[in-house]
Amino acid sequence: MNKVILNHAVPGQHYHPARHLMLLVSLLVCGVCVAHYLQYQQETNALIQQRDELVNAVTISTSPPKLNEKEKAEVVAVNVAIATILRPWPRLFSALEMADSQDIQLLSVEPNVTSKSVRIRAVTLSVNKLTSYIDALKQQDVISSVSLNSTQAVRVAGHAATEFDLLVRW
């Protein structure tokens, strides 16, 4: 019968202390890295918990105070006033700017919230430019109607011009 004997010792290898020292140093570095990671993770968790506590404290402290009926009515009135101030102007003035022409020189723009209208006084050198300006205003979605209130012949820098007054409703 044949026998196989396994000998794991390779002949010619000797004990090298540098190899053992490198293994020990690498294990030590690995241990330091793991310890640093665990410390970093604990600090991160503590910061997350502190942030959550601060967010909850801010949420609790910013809750609206209890108001009586008079104060509630004042708040509602202020909100309505703010809504009427902010509501039409950005859309309305962008519509007026889109219809603007180089040949039309605006003299005044007088908005009126109660009648939902804007009175425009302007001057043009050509009546055709006036009609095209009115048509451009009528094409805007925000504007419901445009009416020509008055026209007047004037002289601008020695040239014949037309001063006109429009009433624009939104």
Foldseek 3Di string as FASTA:
>chain_A
DDDDDDDPDDPPDDDDVVVVVVVVVVVVVVVVVVVVVVVVVVVVVVVVVVVVVVVVVVVVVPDDDDDDPVVVVVVVVVVVVVCLVPPPPVLVVVLLVVLDDPQKAWDDWAADSVQQKIKTKIKGLDVVNVVSSLVSSCPRPSWDHKDWDDWDWDADPNGIMIITMMIIHD
